[in-house]
């Protein structure tokens, strides 16, 4: 066994792992829609956002900020929403 083999195994495992939390662009790609559509779904309350705690607190004009500003969306929630949005159409889809 060479030293390159364990590194290749780690790289292969990392490629297989799908992130649970997606940013707006990732969620849009995942659902096959635009980023604006994802933002509208968030604004309408159809999709929740996840805010991770910041790695360190920042001091700004609004005081101490301890929450990451990045909007993250739970992929599992998206998977649960798709069946709810599914439509069945009869008579040729009209």
Protein backbone atom coordinates (compact mmCIF):
# COMPACT_ATOMS: atom_id res chain seq x y z
CA UNK A 1 0.00 0.00 0.00
CA UNK A 2 1.43 3.38 -0.97
CA UNK A 3 0.87 6.68 0.72
CA UNK A 4 -1.20 7.93 -2.24
CA UNK A 5 -3.89 5.28 -1.73
CA UNK A 6 -5.26 6.61 1.59
CA UNK A 7 -5.39 10.14 0.14
CA UNK A 8 -7.34 8.90 -2.88
CA UNK A 9 -9.77 7.11 -0.57
CA UNK A 10 -10.35 10.27 1.45
CA UNK A 11 -10.92 12.27 -1.73
CA UNK A 12 -13.41 9.68 -3.01
CA UNK A 13 -15.36 9.71 0.27
CA UNK A 14 -15.44 13.51 0.28
CA UNK A 15 -16.80 13.54 -3.27
CA UNK A 16 -19.63 11.19 -2.27
CA UNK A 17 -20.80 13.23 0.74
CA UNK A 18 -23.53 15.70 -0.19
CA UNK A 19 -23.78 18.77 1.99
CA UNK A 20 -26.94 18.95 4.09
CA UNK A 21 -27.01 22.75 4.06
CA UNK A 22 -27.04 24.57 0.73
CA UNK A 23 -26.55 28.25 0.02
CA UNK A 24 -29.10 30.03 -2.17
CA UNK A 25 -27.23 29.15 -5.37
CA UNK A 26 -26.87 25.52 -4.32
CA UNK A 27 -30.57 25.26 -3.44
CA UNK A 28 -31.50 26.82 -6.79
CA UNK A 29 -29.30 24.32 -8.64
CA UNK A 30 -30.68 21.47 -6.55
CA UNK A 31 -34.30 22.35 -7.40
CA UNK A 32 -33.56 23.50 -10.94
CA UNK A 33 -34.84 27.04 -10.47
CA UNK A 34 -33.38 30.53 -10.14
CA UNK A 35 -31.85 32.11 -7.04
CA UNK A 36 -34.65 34.69 -7.16
CA UNK A 37 -37.21 31.89 -6.93
CA UNK A 38 -35.45 30.52 -3.83
CA UNK A 39 -35.43 33.99 -2.26
CA UNK A 40 -39.15 34.40 -3.01
CA UNK A 41 -39.88 31.00 -1.46
CA UNK A 42 -37.96 32.07 1.65
CA UNK A 43 -39.76 35.44 1.81
CA UNK A 44 -43.15 33.70 1.42
CA UNK A 45 -42.33 31.31 4.27
CA UNK A 46 -42.32 28.17 2.12
CA UNK A 47 -38.63 27.52 2.76
CA UNK A 48 -36.88 28.01 6.10
CA UNK A 49 -33.36 29.31 6.49
CA UNK A 50 -30.66 28.03 8.80
CA UNK A 51 -28.22 30.45 10.37
CA UNK A 52 -25.13 28.88 11.85
CA UNK A 53 -23.42 30.59 14.77
CA UNK A 54 -20.47 32.69 13.70
CA UNK A 55 -17.06 31.23 14.36
CA UNK A 56 -16.21 34.40 16.25
CA UNK A 57 -18.19 37.42 17.23
CA UNK A 58 -17.71 40.68 15.39
CA UNK A 59 -18.21 44.15 16.77
CA UNK A 60 -19.90 46.47 14.34
CA UNK A 61 -22.11 49.52 14.27
CA UNK A 62 -25.05 47.40 15.47
CA UNK A 63 -23.21 45.86 18.42
CA UNK A 64 -21.91 42.35 18.74
CA UNK A 65 -22.93 40.06 15.92
CA UNK A 66 -22.66 36.35 16.64
CA UNK A 67 -24.65 34.84 13.78
CA UNK A 68 -23.41 33.98 10.31
CA UNK A 69 -25.15 36.16 7.72
CA UNK A 70 -25.03 33.45 5.05
CA UNK A 71 -28.48 32.10 4.17
CA UNK A 72 -28.43 28.32 4.28
CA UNK A 73 -31.25 25.99 3.27
CA UNK A 74 -31.70 22.45 4.57
CA UNK A 75 -31.62 20.01 1.65
CA UNK A 76 -33.84 17.61 3.63
CA UNK A 77 -36.55 20.30 3.84
CA UNK A 78 -36.36 20.79 0.08
CA UNK A 79 -36.76 17.04 -0.39
CA UNK A 80 -39.87 17.11 1.83
CA UNK A 81 -41.40 20.08 0.00
CA UNK A 82 -41.16 18.70 -3.53
CA UNK A 83 -43.86 16.01 -3.03
CA UNK A 84 -46.17 18.64 -1.50
CA UNK A 85 -45.81 20.80 -4.61
CA UNK A 86 -46.32 17.93 -7.04
CA UNK A 87 -49.37 18.29 -9.28
CA UNK A 88 -51.27 15.60 -11.11
CA UNK A 89 -52.98 16.65 -14.27
CA UNK A 90 -55.44 14.65 -16.27
CA UNK A 91 -56.80 15.09 -19.75
CA UNK A 92 -53.51 15.92 -21.42
CA UNK A 93 -52.23 18.33 -18.76
CA UNK A 94 -54.65 21.15 -19.51
